[in-house]
PDBML (XML) file of the C-alpha atoms, coordinates in Angstrom:
<?xml version="1.0" encoding="UTF-8" ?>
<PDBx:datablock datablockName="MODEL"
   xmlns:PDBx="http://pdbml.pdb.org/schema/pdbx-v50.xsd"
   xmlns:xsi="http://www.w3.org/2001/XMLSchema-instance"
   xsi:schemaLocation="http://pdbml.pdb.org/schema/pdbx-v50.xsd pdbx-v50.xsd">
   <PDBx:atom_siteCategory>
      <PDBx:atom_site id="1">
         <PDBx:B_iso_or_equiv>0.00</PDBx:B_iso_or_equiv>
         <PDBx:Cartn_x>2.776</PDBx:Cartn_x>
         <PDBx:Cartn_y>26.970</PDBx:Cartn_y>
         <PDBx:Cartn_z>9.086</PDBx:Cartn_z>
         <PDBx:auth_asym_id>A</PDBx:auth_asym_id>
         <PDBx:auth_atom_id>CA</PDBx:auth_atom_id>
         <PDBx:auth_comp_id>GLU</PDBx:auth_comp_id>
         <PDBx:auth_seq_id>1</PDBx:auth_seq_id>
         <PDBx:group_PDB>ATOM</PDBx:group_PDB>
         <PDBx:label_alt_id xsi:nil="true" />
         <PDBx:label_asym_id>A</PDBx:label_asym_id>
         <PDBx:label_atom_id>CA</PDBx:label_atom_id>
         <PDBx:label_comp_id>GLU</PDBx:label_comp_id>
         <PDBx:label_entity_id>1</PDBx:label_entity_id>
         <PDBx:label_seq_id>1</PDBx:label_seq_id>
         <PDBx:occupancy>1.00</PDBx:occupancy>
         <PDBx:pdbx_PDB_model_num>1</PDBx:pdbx_PDB_model_num>
         <PDBx:type_symbol>C</PDBx:type_symbol>
      </PDBx:atom_site>
      <PDBx:atom_site id="2">
         <PDBx:B_iso_or_equiv>0.00</PDBx:B_iso_or_equiv>
         <PDBx:Cartn_x>1.683</PDBx:Cartn_x>
         <PDBx:Cartn_y>23.246</PDBx:Cartn_y>
         <PDBx:Cartn_z>9.963</PDBx:Cartn_z>
         <PDBx:auth_asym_id>A</PDBx:auth_asym_id>
         <PDBx:auth_atom_id>CA</PDBx:auth_atom_id>
         <PDBx:auth_comp_id>GLY</PDBx:auth_comp_id>
         <PDBx:auth_seq_id>2</PDBx:auth_seq_id>
         <PDBx:group_PDB>ATOM</PDBx:group_PDB>
         <PDBx:label_alt_id xsi:nil="true" />
         <PDBx:label_asym_id>A</PDBx:label_asym_id>
         <PDBx:label_atom_id>CA</PDBx:label_atom_id>
         <PDBx:label_comp_id>GLY</PDBx:label_comp_id>
         <PDBx:label_entity_id>1</PDBx:label_entity_id>
         <PDBx:label_seq_id>2</PDBx:label_seq_id>
         <PDBx:occupancy>1.00</PDBx:occupancy>
         <PDBx:pdbx_PDB_model_num>1</PDBx:pdbx_PDB_model_num>
         <PDBx:type_symbol>C</PDBx:type_symbol>
      </PDBx:atom_site>
      <PDBx:atom_site id="3">
         <PDBx:B_iso_or_equiv>0.00</PDBx:B_iso_or_equiv>
         <PDBx:Cartn_x>3.038</PDBx:Cartn_x>
         <PDBx:Cartn_y>23.522</PDBx:Cartn_y>
         <PDBx:Cartn_z>13.704</PDBx:Cartn_z>
         <PDBx:auth_asym_id>A</PDBx:auth_asym_id>
         <PDBx:auth_atom_id>CA</PDBx:auth_atom_id>
         <PDBx:auth_comp_id>LEU</PDBx:auth_comp_id>
         <PDBx:auth_seq_id>3</PDBx:auth_seq_id>
         <PDBx:group_PDB>ATOM</PDBx:group_PDB>
         <PDBx:label_alt_id xsi:nil="true" />
         <PDBx:label_asym_id>A</PDBx:label_asym_id>
         <PDBx:label_atom_id>CA</PDBx:label_atom_id>
         <PDBx:label_comp_id>LEU</PDBx:label_comp_id>
         <PDBx:label_entity_id>1</PDBx:label_entity_id>
         <PDBx:label_seq_id>3</PDBx:label_seq_id>
         <PDBx:occupancy>1.00</PDBx:occupancy>
         <PDBx:pdbx_PDB_model_num>1</PDBx:pdbx_PDB_model_num>
         <PDBx:type_symbol>C</PDBx:type_symbol>
      </PDBx:atom_site>
      <PDBx:atom_site id="4">
         <PDBx:B_iso_or_equiv>0.00</PDBx:B_iso_or_equiv>
         <PDBx:Cartn_x>1.431</PDBx:Cartn_x>
         <PDBx:Cartn_y>27.057</PDBx:Cartn_y>
         <PDBx:Cartn_z>14.071</PDBx:Cartn_z>
         <PDBx:auth_asym_id>A</PDBx:auth_asym_id>
         <PDBx:auth_atom_id>CA</PDBx:auth_atom_id>
         <PDBx:auth_comp_id>ALA</PDBx:auth_comp_id>
         <PDBx:auth_seq_id>4</PDBx:auth_seq_id>
         <PDBx:group_PDB>ATOM</PDBx:group_PDB>
         <PDBx:label_alt_id xsi:nil="true" />
         <PDBx:label_asym_id>A</PDBx:label_asym_id>
         <PDBx:label_atom_id>CA</PDBx:label_atom_id>
         <PDBx:label_comp_id>ALA</PDBx:label_comp_id>
         <PDBx:label_entity_id>1</PDBx:label_entity_id>
         <PDBx:label_seq_id>4</PDBx:label_seq_id>
         <PDBx:occupancy>1.00</PDBx:occupancy>
         <PDBx:pdbx_PDB_model_num>1</PDBx:pdbx_PDB_model_num>
         <PDBx:type_symbol>C</PDBx:type_symbol>
      </PDBx:atom_site>
      <PDBx:atom_site id="5">
         <PDBx:B_iso_or_equiv>0.00</PDBx:B_iso_or_equiv>
         <PDBx:Cartn_x>-1.637</PDBx:Cartn_x>
         <PDBx:Cartn_y>25.213</PDBx:Cartn_y>
         <PDBx:Cartn_z>13.187</PDBx:Cartn_z>
         <PDBx:auth_asym_id>A</PDBx:auth_asym_id>
         <PDBx:auth_atom_id>CA</PDBx:auth_atom_id>
         <PDBx:auth_comp_id>ARG</PDBx:auth_comp_id>
         <PDBx:auth_seq_id>5</PDBx:auth_seq_id>
         <PDBx:group_PDB>ATOM</PDBx:group_PDB>
         <PDBx:label_alt_id xsi:nil="true" />
         <PDBx:label_asym_id>A</PDBx:label_asym_id>
         <PDBx:label_atom_id>CA</PDBx:label_atom_id>
         <PDBx:label_comp_id>ARG</PDBx:label_comp_id>
         <PDBx:label_entity_id>1</PDBx:label_entity_id>
         <PDBx:label_seq_id>5</PDBx:label_seq_id>
         <PDBx:occupancy>1.00</PDBx:occupancy>
         <PDBx:pdbx_PDB_model_num>1</PDBx:pdbx_PDB_model_num>
         <PDBx:type_symbol>C</PDBx:type_symbol>
      </PDBx:atom_site>
      <PDBx:atom_site id="6">
         <PDBx:B_iso_or_equiv>0.00</PDBx:B_iso_or_equiv>
         <PDBx:Cartn_x>-0.708</PDBx:Cartn_x>
         <PDBx:Cartn_y>22.776</PDBx:Cartn_y>
         <PDBx:Cartn_z>15.485</PDBx:Cartn_z>
         <PDBx:auth_asym_id>A</PDBx:auth_asym_id>
         <PDBx:auth_atom_id>CA</PDBx:auth_atom_id>
         <PDBx:auth_comp_id>LEU</PDBx:auth_comp_id>
         <PDBx:auth_seq_id>6</PDBx:auth_seq_id>
         <PDBx:group_PDB>ATOM</PDBx:group_PDB>
         <PDBx:label_alt_id xsi:nil="true" />
         <PDBx:label_asym_id>A</PDBx:label_asym_id>
         <PDBx:label_atom_id>CA</PDBx:label_atom_id>
         <PDBx:label_comp_id>LEU</PDBx:label_comp_id>
         <PDBx:label_entity_id>1</PDBx:label_entity_id>
         <PDBx:label_seq_id>6</PDBx:label_seq_id>
         <PDBx:occupancy>1.00</PDBx:occupancy>
         <PDBx:pdbx_PDB_model_num>1</PDBx:pdbx_PDB_model_num>
         <PDBx:type_symbol>C</PDBx:type_symbol>
      </PDBx:atom_site>
      <PDBx:atom_site id="7">
         <PDBx:B_iso_or_equiv>0.00</PDBx:B_iso_or_equiv>
         <PDBx:Cartn_x>-0.517</PDBx:Cartn_x>
         <PDBx:Cartn_y>25.601</PDBx:Cartn_y>
         <PDBx:Cartn_z>18.107</PDBx:Cartn_z>
         <PDBx:auth_asym_id>A</PDBx:auth_asym_id>
         <PDBx:auth_atom_id>CA</PDBx:auth_atom_id>
         <PDBx:auth_comp_id>GLY</PDBx:auth_comp_id>
         <PDBx:auth_seq_id>7</PDBx:auth_seq_id>
         <PDBx:group_PDB>ATOM</PDBx:group_PDB>
         <PDBx:label_alt_id xsi:nil="true" />
         <PDBx:label_asym_id>A</PDBx:label_asym_id>
         <PDBx:label_atom_id>CA</PDBx:label_atom_id>
         <PDBx:label_comp_id>GLY</PDBx:label_comp_id>
         <PDBx:label_entity_id>1</PDBx:label_entity_id>
         <PDBx:label_seq_id>7</PDBx:label_seq_id>
         <PDBx:occupancy>1.00</PDBx:occupancy>
         <PDBx:pdbx_PDB_model_num>1</PDBx:pdbx_PDB_model_num>
         <PDBx:type_symbol>C</PDBx:type_symbol>
      </PDBx:atom_site>
      <PDBx:atom_site id="8">
         <PDBx:B_iso_or_equiv>0.00</PDBx:B_iso_or_equiv>
         <PDBx:Cartn_x>3.328</PDBx:Cartn_x>
         <PDBx:Cartn_y>25.514</PDBx:Cartn_y>
         <PDBx:Cartn_z>18.037</PDBx:Cartn_z>
         <PDBx:auth_asym_id>A</PDBx:auth_asym_id>
         <PDBx:auth_atom_id>CA</PDBx:auth_atom_id>
         <PDBx:auth_comp_id>HIS</PDBx:auth_comp_id>
         <PDBx:auth_seq_id>8</PDBx:auth_seq_id>
         <PDBx:group_PDB>ATOM</PDBx:group_PDB>
         <PDBx:label_alt_id xsi:nil="true" />
         <PDBx:label_asym_id>A</PDBx:label_asym_id>
         <PDBx:label_atom_id>CA</PDBx:label_atom_id>
         <PDBx:label_comp_id>HIS</PDBx:label_comp_id>
         <PDBx:label_entity_id>1</PDBx:label_entity_id>
         <PDBx:label_seq_id>8</PDBx:label_seq_id>
         <PDBx:occupancy>1.00</PDBx:occupancy>
         <PDBx:pdbx_PDB_model_num>1</PDBx:pdbx_PDB_model_num>
         <PDBx:type_symbol>C</PDBx:type_symbol>
      </PDBx:atom_site>
      <PDBx:atom_site id="9">
         <PDBx:B_iso_or_equiv>0.00</PDBx:B_iso_or_equiv>
         <PDBx:Cartn_x>5.973</PDBx:Cartn_x>
         <PDBx:Cartn_y>28.085</PDBx:Cartn_y>
         <PDBx:Cartn_z>17.533</PDBx:Cartn_z>
         <PDBx:auth_asym_id>A</PDBx:auth_asym_id>
         <PDBx:auth_atom_id>CA</PDBx:auth_atom_id>
         <PDBx:auth_comp_id>ARG</PDBx:auth_comp_id>
         <PDBx:auth_seq_id>9</PDBx:auth_seq_id>
         <PDBx:group_PDB>ATOM</PDBx:group_PDB>
         <PDBx:label_alt_id xsi:nil="true" />
         <PDBx:label_asym_id>A</PDBx:label_asym_id>
         <PDBx:label_atom_id>CA</PDBx:label_atom_id>
         <PDBx:label_comp_id>ARG</PDBx:label_comp_id>
         <PDBx:label_entity_id>1</PDBx:label_entity_id>
         <PDBx:label_seq_id>9</PDBx:label_seq_id>
         <PDBx:occupancy>1.00</PDBx:occupancy>
         <PDBx:pdbx_PDB_model_num>1</PDBx:pdbx_PDB_model_num>
         <PDBx:type_symbol>C</PDBx:type_symbol>
      </PDBx:atom_site>
      <PDBx:atom_site id="10">
         <PDBx:B_iso_or_equiv>0.00</PDBx:B_iso_or_equiv>
         <PDBx:Cartn_x>8.325</PDBx:Cartn_x>
         <PDBx:Cartn_y>27.880</PDBx:Cartn_y>
         <PDBx:Cartn_z>15.093</PDBx:Cartn_z>
         <PDBx:auth_asym_id>A</PDBx:auth_asym_id>
         <PDBx:auth_atom_id>CA</PDBx:auth_atom_id>
         <PDBx:auth_comp_id>ALA</PDBx:auth_comp_id>
         <PDBx:auth_seq_id>10</PDBx:auth_seq_id>
         <PDBx:group_PDB>ATOM</PDBx:group_PDB>
         <PDBx:label_alt_id xsi:nil="true" />
         <PDBx:label_asym_id>A</PDBx:label_asym_id>
         <PDBx:label_atom_id>CA</PDBx:label_atom_id>
         <PDBx:label_comp_id>ALA</PDBx:label_comp_id>
         <PDBx:label_entity_id>1</PDBx:label_entity_id>
         <PDBx:label_seq_id>10</PDBx:label_seq_id>
         <PDBx:occupancy>1.00</PDBx:occupancy>
         <PDBx:pdbx_PDB_model_num>1</PDBx:pdbx_PDB_model_num>
         <PDBx:type_symbol>C</PDBx:type_symbol>
      </PDBx:atom_site>
      <PDBx:atom_site id="11">
         <PDBx:B_iso_or_equiv>0.00</PDBx:B_iso_or_equiv>
         <PDBx:Cartn_x>12.156</PDBx:Cartn_x>
         <PDBx:Cartn_y>29.226</PDBx:Cartn_y>
         <PDBx:Cartn_z>15.213</PDBx:Cartn_z>
         <PDBx:auth_asym_id>A</PDBx:auth_asym_id>
         <PDBx:auth_atom_id>CA</PDBx:auth_atom_id>
         <PDBx:auth_comp_id>ILE</PDBx:auth_comp_id>
         <PDBx:auth_seq_id>11</PDBx:auth_seq_id>
         <PDBx:group_PDB>ATOM</PDBx:group_PDB>
         <PDBx:label_alt_id xsi:nil="true" />
         <PDBx:label_asym_id>A</PDBx:label_asym_id>
         <PDBx:label_atom_id>CA</PDBx:label_atom_id>
         <PDBx:label_comp_id>ILE</PDBx:label_comp_id>
         <PDBx:label_entity_id>1</PDBx:label_entity_id>
         <PDBx:label_seq_id>11</PDBx:label_seq_id>
         <PDBx:occupancy>1.00</PDBx:occupancy>
         <PDBx:pdbx_PDB_model_num>1</PDBx:pdbx_PDB_model_num>
         <PDBx:type_symbol>C</PDBx:type_symbol>
      </PDBx:atom_site>
      <PDBx:atom_site id="12">
         <PDBx:B_iso_or_equiv>0.00</PDBx:B_iso_or_equiv>
         <PDBx:Cartn_x>13.147</PDBx:Cartn_x>
         <PDBx:Cartn_y>29.194</PDBx:Cartn_y>
         <PDBx:Cartn_z>11.697</PDBx:Cartn_z>
         <PDBx:auth_asym_id>A</PDBx:auth_asym_id>
         <PDBx:auth_atom_id>CA</PDBx:auth_atom_id>
         <PDBx:auth_comp_id>VAL</PDBx:auth_comp_id>
         <PDBx:auth_seq_id>12</PDBx:auth_seq_id>
         <PDBx:group_PDB>ATOM</PDBx:group_PDB>
         <PDBx:label_alt_id xsi:nil="true" />
         <PDBx:label_asym_id>A</PDBx:label_asym_id>
         <PDBx:label_atom_id>CA</PDBx:label_atom_id>
         <PDBx:label_comp_id>VAL</PDBx:label_comp_id>
         <PDBx:label_entity_id>1</PDBx:label_entity_id>
         <PDBx:label_seq_id>12</PDBx:label_seq_id>
         <PDBx:occupancy>1.00</PDBx:occupancy>
         <PDBx:pdbx_PDB_model_num>1</PDBx:pdbx_PDB_model_num>
         <PDBx:type_symbol>C</PDBx:type_symbol>
      </PDBx:atom_site>
      <PDBx:atom_site id="13">
         <PDBx:B_iso_or_equiv>0.00</PDBx:B_iso_or_equiv>
         <PDBx:Cartn_x>16.852</PDBx:Cartn_x>
         <PDBx:Cartn_y>28.243</PDBx:Cartn_y>
         <PDBx:Cartn_z>11.576</PDBx:Cartn_z>
         <PDBx:auth_asym_id>A</PDBx:auth_asym_id>
         <PDBx:auth_atom_id>CA</PDBx:auth_atom_id>
         <PDBx:auth_comp_id>ALA</PDBx:auth_comp_id>
         <PDBx:auth_seq_id>13</PDBx:auth_seq_id>
         <PDBx:group_PDB>ATOM</PDBx:group_PDB>
         <PDBx:label_alt_id xsi:nil="true" />
         <PDBx:label_asym_id>A</PDBx:label_asym_id>
         <PDBx:label_atom_id>CA</PDBx:label_atom_id>
         <PDBx:label_comp_id>ALA</PDBx:label_comp_id>
         <PDBx:label_entity_id>1</PDBx:label_entity_id>
         <PDBx:label_seq_id>13</PDBx:label_seq_id>
         <PDBx:occupancy>1.00</PDBx:occupancy>
         <PDBx:pdbx_PDB_model_num>1</PDBx:pdbx_PDB_model_num>
         <PDBx:type_symbol>C</PDBx:type_symbol>
      </PDBx:atom_site>
      <PDBx:atom_site id="14">
         <PDBx:B_iso_or_equiv>0.00</PDBx:B_iso_or_equiv>
         <PDBx:Cartn_x>17.528</PDBx:Cartn_x>
         <PDBx:Cartn_y>26.868</PDBx:Cartn_y>
         <PDBx:Cartn_z>8.215</PDBx:Cartn_z>
         <PDBx:auth_asym_id>A</PDBx:auth_asym_id>
         <PDBx:auth_atom_id>CA</PDBx:auth_atom_id>
         <PDBx:auth_comp_id>PRO</PDBx:auth_comp_id>
         <PDBx:auth_seq_id>14</PDBx:auth_seq_id>
         <PDBx:group_PDB>ATOM</PDBx:group_PDB>
         <PDBx:label_alt_id xsi:nil="true" />
         <PDBx:label_asym_id>A</PDBx:label_asym_id>
         <PDBx:label_atom_id>CA</PDBx:label_atom_id>
         <PDBx:label_comp_id>PRO</PDBx:label_comp_id>
         <PDBx:label_entity_id>1</PDBx:label_entity_id>
         <PDBx:label_seq_id>14</PDBx:label_seq_id>
         <PDBx:occupancy>1.00</PDBx:occupancy>
         <PDBx:pdbx_PDB_model_num>1</PDBx:pdbx_PDB_model_num>
         <PDBx:type_symbol>C</PDBx:type_symbol>
      </PDBx:atom_site>
      <PDBx:atom_site id="15">
         <PDBx:B_iso_or_equiv>0.00</PDBx:B_iso_or_equiv>
         <PDBx:Cartn_x>21.049</PDBx:Cartn_x>
         <PDBx:Cartn_y>24.349</PDBx:Cartn_y>
         <PDBx:Cartn_z>8.853</PDBx:Cartn_z>
         <PDBx:auth_asym_id>A</PDBx:auth_asym_id>
         <PDBx:auth_atom_id>CA</PDBx:auth_atom_id>
         <PDBx:auth_comp_id>VAL</PDBx:auth_comp_id>
         <PDBx:auth_seq_id>15</PDBx:auth_seq_id>
         <PDBx:group_PDB>ATOM</PDBx:group_PDB>
         <PDBx:label_alt_id xsi:nil="true" />
         <PDBx:label_asym_id>A</PDBx:label_asym_id>
         <PDBx:label_atom_id>CA</PDBx:label_atom_id>
         <PDBx:label_comp_id>VAL</PDBx:label_comp_id>
         <PDBx:label_entity_id>1</PDBx:label_entity_id>
         <PDBx:label_seq_id>15</PDBx:label_seq_id>
         <PDBx:occupancy>1.00</PDBx:occupancy>
         <PDBx:pdbx_PDB_model_num>1</PDBx:pdbx_PDB_model_num>
         <PDBx:type_symbol>C</PDBx:type_symbol>
      </PDBx:atom_site>
      <PDBx:atom_site id="16">
         <PDBx:B_iso_or_equiv>0.00</PDBx:B_iso_or_equiv>
         <PDBx:Cartn_x>21.039</PDBx:Cartn_x>
         <PDBx:Cartn_y>23.864</PDBx:Cartn_y>
         <PDBx:Cartn_z>4.566</PDBx:Cartn_z>
         <PDBx:auth_asym_id>A</PDBx:auth_asym_id>
         <PDBx:auth_atom_id>CA</PDBx:auth_atom_id>
         <PDBx:auth_comp_id>LEU</PDBx:auth_comp_id>
         <PDBx:auth_seq_id>16</PDBx:auth_seq_id>
         <PDBx:group_PDB>ATOM</PDBx:group_PDB>
         <PDBx:label_alt_id xsi:nil="true" />
         <PDBx:label_asym_id>A</PDBx:label_asym_id>
         <PDBx:label_atom_id>CA</PDBx:label_atom_id>
         <PDBx:label_comp_id>LEU</PDBx:label_comp_id>
         <PDBx:label_entity_id>1</PDBx:label_entity_id>
         <PDBx:label_seq_id>16</PDBx:label_seq_id>
         <PDBx:occupancy>1.00</PDBx:occupancy>
         <PDBx:pdbx_PDB_model_num>1</PDBx:pdbx_PDB_model_num>
         <PDBx:type_symbol>C</PDBx:type_symbol>
      </PDBx:atom_site>
      <PDBx:atom_site id="17">
         <PDBx:B_iso_or_equiv>0.00</PDBx:B_iso_or_equiv>
         <PDBx:Cartn_x>20.634</PDBx:Cartn_x>
         <PDBx:Cartn_y>25.556</PDBx:Cartn_y>
         <PDBx:Cartn_z>1.113</PDBx:Cartn_z>
         <PDBx:auth_asym_id>A</PDBx:auth_asym_id>
         <PDBx:auth_atom_id>CA</PDBx:auth_atom_id>
         <PDBx:auth_comp_id>ALA</PDBx:auth_comp_id>
         <PDBx:auth_seq_id>17</PDBx:auth_seq_id>
         <PDBx:group_PDB>ATOM</PDBx:group_PDB>
         <PDBx:label_alt_id xsi:nil="true" />
         <PDBx:label_asym_id>A</PDBx:label_asym_id>
         <PDBx:label_atom_id>CA</PDBx:label_atom_id>
         <PDBx:label_comp_id>ALA</PDBx:label_comp_id>
         <PDBx:label_entity_id>1</PDBx:label_entity_id>
         <PDBx:label_seq_id>17</PDBx:label_seq_id>
         <PDBx:occupancy>1.00</PDBx:occupancy>
         <PDBx:pdbx_PDB_model_num>1</PDBx:pdbx_PDB_model_num>
         <PDBx:type_symbol>C</PDBx:type_symbol>
      </PDBx:atom_site>
      <PDBx:atom_site id="18">
         <PDBx:B_iso_or_equiv>0.00</PDBx:B_iso_or_equiv>
         <PDBx:Cartn_x>19.529</PDBx:Cartn_x>
         <PDBx:Cartn_y>24.698</PDBx:Cartn_y>
         <PDBx:Cartn_z>-1.502</PDBx:Cartn_z>
         <PDBx:auth_asym_id>A</PDBx:auth_asym_id>
         <PDBx:auth_atom_id>CA</PDBx:auth_atom_id>
         <PDBx:auth_comp_id>ILE</PDBx:auth_comp_id>
         <PDBx:auth_seq_id>18</PDBx:auth_seq_id>
         <PDBx:group_PDB>ATOM</PDBx:group_PDB>
         <PDBx:label_alt_id xsi:nil="true" />
         <PDBx:label_asym_id>A</PDBx:label_asym_id>
         <PDBx:label_atom_id>CA</PDBx:label_atom_id>
         <PDBx:label_comp_id>ILE</PDBx:label_comp_id>
         <PDBx:label_entity_id>1</PDBx:label_entity_id>
         <PDBx:label_seq_id>18</PDBx:label_seq_id>
         <PDBx:occupancy>1.00</PDBx:occupancy>
         <PDBx:pdbx_PDB_model_num>1</PDBx:pdbx_PDB_model_num>
         <PDBx:type_symbol>C</PDBx:type_symbol>
      </PDBx:atom_site>
      <PDBx:atom_site id="19">
         <PDBx:B_iso_or_equiv>0.00</PDBx:B_iso_or_equiv>
         <PDBx:Cartn_x>21.859</PDBx:Cartn_x>
         <PDBx:Cartn_y>25.682</PDBx:Cartn_y>
         <PDBx:Cartn_z>-4.881</PDBx:Cartn_z>
         <PDBx:auth_asym_id>A</PDBx:auth_asym_id>
         <PDBx:auth_atom_id>CA</PDBx:auth_atom_id>
         <PDBx:auth_comp_id>GLU</PDBx:auth_comp_id>
         <PDBx:auth_seq_id>19</PDBx:auth_seq_id>
         <PDBx:group_PDB>ATOM</PDBx:group_PDB>
         <PDBx:label_alt_id xsi:nil="true" />
         <PDBx:label_asym_id>A</PDBx:label_asym_id>
         <PDBx:label_atom_id>CA</PDBx:label_atom_id>
         <PDBx:label_comp_id>GLU</PDBx:label_comp_id>
         <PDBx:label_entity_id>1</PDBx:label_entity_id>
         <PDBx:label_seq_id>19</PDBx:label_seq_id>
         <PDBx:occupancy>1.00</PDBx:occupancy>
         <PDBx:pdbx_PDB_model_num>1</PDBx:pdbx_PDB_model_num>
         <PDBx:type_symbol>C</PDBx:type_symbol>
      </PDBx:atom_site>
      <PDBx:atom_site id="20">
         <PDBx:B_iso_or_equiv>0.00</PDBx:B_iso_or_equiv>
         <PDBx:Cartn_x>21.142</PDBx:Cartn_x>
         <PDBx:Cartn_y>24.754</PDBx:Cartn_y>
         <PDBx:Cartn_z>-8.731</PDBx:Cartn_z>
         <PDBx:auth_asym_id>A</PDBx:auth_asym_id>
         <PDBx:auth_atom_id>CA</PDBx:auth_atom_id>
         <PDBx:auth_comp_id>ASP</PDBx:auth_comp_id>
         <PDBx:auth_seq_id>20</PDBx:auth_seq_id>
         <PDBx:group_PDB>ATOM</PDBx:group_PDB>
         <PDBx:label_alt_id xsi:nil="true" />
         <PDBx:label_asym_id>A</PDBx:label_asym_id>
         <PDBx:label_atom_id>CA</PDBx:label_atom_id>
         <PDBx:label_comp_id>ASP</PDBx:label_comp_id>
         <PDBx:label_entity_id>1</PDBx:label_entity_id>
         <PDBx:label_seq_id>20</PDBx:label_seq_id>
         <PDBx:occupancy>1.00</PDBx:occupancy>
         <PDBx:pdbx_PDB_model_num>1</PDBx:pdbx_PDB_model_num>
         <PDBx:type_symbol>C</PDBx:type_symbol>
      </PDBx:atom_site>
      <PDBx:atom_site id="21">
         <PDBx:B_iso_or_equiv>0.00</PDBx:B_iso_or_equiv>
         <PDBx:Cartn_x>23.629</PDBx:Cartn_x>
         <PDBx:Cartn_y>22.317</PDBx:Cartn_y>
         <PDBx:Cartn_z>-10.351</PDBx:Cartn_z>
         <PDBx:auth_asym_id>A</PDBx:auth_asym_id>
         <PDBx:auth_atom_id>CA</PDBx:auth_atom_id>
         <PDBx:auth_comp_id>ILE</PDBx:auth_comp_id>
         <PDBx:auth_seq_id>21</PDBx:auth_seq_id>
         <PDBx:group_PDB>ATOM</PDBx:group_PDB>
         <PDBx:label_alt_id xsi:nil="true" />
         <PDBx:label_asym_id>A</PDBx:label_asym_id>
         <PDBx:label_atom_id>CA</PDBx:label_atom_id>
         <PDBx:label_comp_id>ILE</PDBx:label_comp_id>
         <PDBx:label_entity_id>1</PDBx:label_entity_id>
         <PDBx:label_seq_id>21</PDBx:label_seq_id>
         <PDBx:occupancy>1.00</PDBx:occupancy>
         <PDBx:pdbx_PDB_model_num>1</PDBx:pdbx_PDB_model_num>
         <PDBx:type_symbol>C</PDBx:type_symbol>
      </PDBx:atom_site>
      <PDBx:atom_site id="22">
         <PDBx:B_iso_or_equiv>0.00</PDBx:B_iso_or_equiv>
         <PDBx:Cartn_x>23.831</PDBx:Cartn_x>
         <PDBx:Cartn_y>22.971</PDBx:Cartn_y>
         <PDBx:Cartn_z>-14.525</PDBx:Cartn_z>
         <PDBx:auth_asym_id>A</PDBx:auth_asym_id>
         <PDBx:auth_atom_id>CA</PDBx:auth_atom_id>
         <PDBx:auth_comp_id>ALA</PDBx:auth_comp_id>
         <PDBx:auth_seq_id>22</PDBx:auth_seq_id>
         <PDBx:group_PDB>ATOM</PDBx:group_PDB>
         <PDBx:label_alt_id xsi:nil="true" />
         <PDBx:label_asym_id>A</PDBx:label_asym_id>
         <PDBx:label_atom_id>CA</PDBx:label_atom_id>
         <PDBx:label_comp_id>ALA</PDBx:label_comp_id>
         <PDBx:label_entity_id>1</PDBx:label_entity_id>
         <PDBx:label_seq_id>22</PDBx:label_seq_id>
         <PDBx:occupancy>1.00</PDBx:occupancy>
         <PDBx:pdbx_PDB_model_num>1</PDBx:pdbx_PDB_model_num>
         <PDBx:type_symbol>C</PDBx:type_symbol>
      </PDBx:atom_site>
      <PDBx:atom_site id="23">
         <PDBx:B_iso_or_equiv>0.00</PDBx:B_iso_or_equiv>
         <PDBx:Cartn_x>23.705</PDBx:Cartn_x>
         <PDBx:Cartn_y>19.562</PDBx:Cartn_y>
         <PDBx:Cartn_z>-15.042</PDBx:Cartn_z>
         <PDBx:auth_asym_id>A</PDBx:auth_asym_id>
         <PDBx:auth_atom_id>CA</PDBx:auth_atom_id>
         <PDBx:auth_comp_id>SER</PDBx:auth_comp_id>
         <PDBx:auth_seq_id>23</PDBx:auth_seq_id>
         <PDBx:group_PDB>ATOM</PDBx:group_PDB>
         <PDBx:label_alt_id xsi:nil="true" />
         <PDBx:label_asym_id>A</PDBx:label_asym_id>
         <PDBx:label_atom_id>CA</PDBx:label_atom_id>
         <PDBx:label_comp_id>SER</PDBx:label_comp_id>
         <PDBx:label_entity_id>1</PDBx:label_entity_id>
         <PDBx:label_seq_id>23</PDBx:label_seq_id>
         <PDBx:occupancy>1.00</PDBx:occupancy>
         <PDBx:pdbx_PDB_model_num>1</PDBx:pdbx_PDB_model_num>
         <PDBx:type_symbol>C</PDBx:type_symbol>
      </PDBx:atom_site>
      <PDBx:atom_site id="24">
         <PDBx:B_iso_or_equiv>0.00</PDBx:B_iso_or_equiv>
         <PDBx:Cartn_x>22.844</PDBx:Cartn_x>
         <PDBx:Cartn_y>17.805</PDBx:Cartn_y>
         <PDBx:Cartn_z>-18.424</PDBx:Cartn_z>
         <PDBx:auth_asym_id>A</PDBx:auth_asym_id>
         <PDBx:auth_atom_id>CA</PDBx:auth_atom_id>
         <PDBx:auth_comp_id>SER</PDBx:auth_comp_id>
         <PDBx:auth_seq_id>24</PDBx:auth_seq_id>
         <PDBx:group_PDB>ATOM</PDBx:group_PDB>
         <PDBx:label_alt_id xsi:nil="true" />
         <PDBx:label_asym_id>A</PDBx:label_asym_id>
         <PDBx:label_atom_id>CA</PDBx:label_atom_id>
         <PDBx:label_comp_id>SER</PDBx:label_comp_id>
         <PDBx:label_entity_id>1</PDBx:label_entity_id>
         <PDBx:label_seq_id>24</PDBx:label_seq_id>
         <PDBx:occupancy>1.00</PDBx:occupancy>
         <PDBx:pdbx_PDB_model_num>1</PDBx:pdbx_PDB_model_num>
         <PDBx:type_symbol>C</PDBx:type_symbol>
      </PDBx:atom_site>
      <PDBx:atom_site id="25">
         <PDBx:B_iso_or_equiv>0.00</PDBx:B_iso_or_equiv>
         <PDBx:Cartn_x>19.566</PDBx:Cartn_x>
         <PDBx:Cartn_y>16.130</PDBx:Cartn_y>
         <PDBx:Cartn_z>-18.950</PDBx:Cartn_z>
         <PDBx:auth_asym_id>A</PDBx:auth_asym_id>
         <PDBx:auth_atom_id>CA</PDBx:auth_atom_id>
         <PDBx:auth_comp_id>ILE</PDBx:auth_comp_id>
         <PDBx:auth_seq_id>25</PDBx:auth_seq_id>
         <PDBx:group_PDB>ATOM</PDBx:group_PDB>
         <PDBx:label_alt_id xsi:nil="true" />
         <PDBx:label_asym_id>A</PDBx:label_asym_id>
         <PDBx:label_atom_id>CA</PDBx:label_atom_id>
         <PDBx:label_comp_id>ILE</PDBx:label_comp_id>
         <PDBx:label_entity_id>1</PDBx:label_entity_id>
         <PDBx:label_seq_id>25</PDBx:label_seq_id>
         <PDBx:occupancy>1.00</PDBx:occupancy>
         <PDBx:pdbx_PDB_model_num>1</PDBx:pdbx_PDB_model_num>
         <PDBx:type_symbol>C</PDBx:type_symbol>
      </PDBx:atom_site>
   </PDBx:atom_siteCategory>
</PDBx:datablock>
């Protein structure tokens, strides 16, 4: 979205994915 506001075209290609860790607090 930020790139589009600047007139750029984003090619979204995530190389990382976020996963939960069920750790205690």
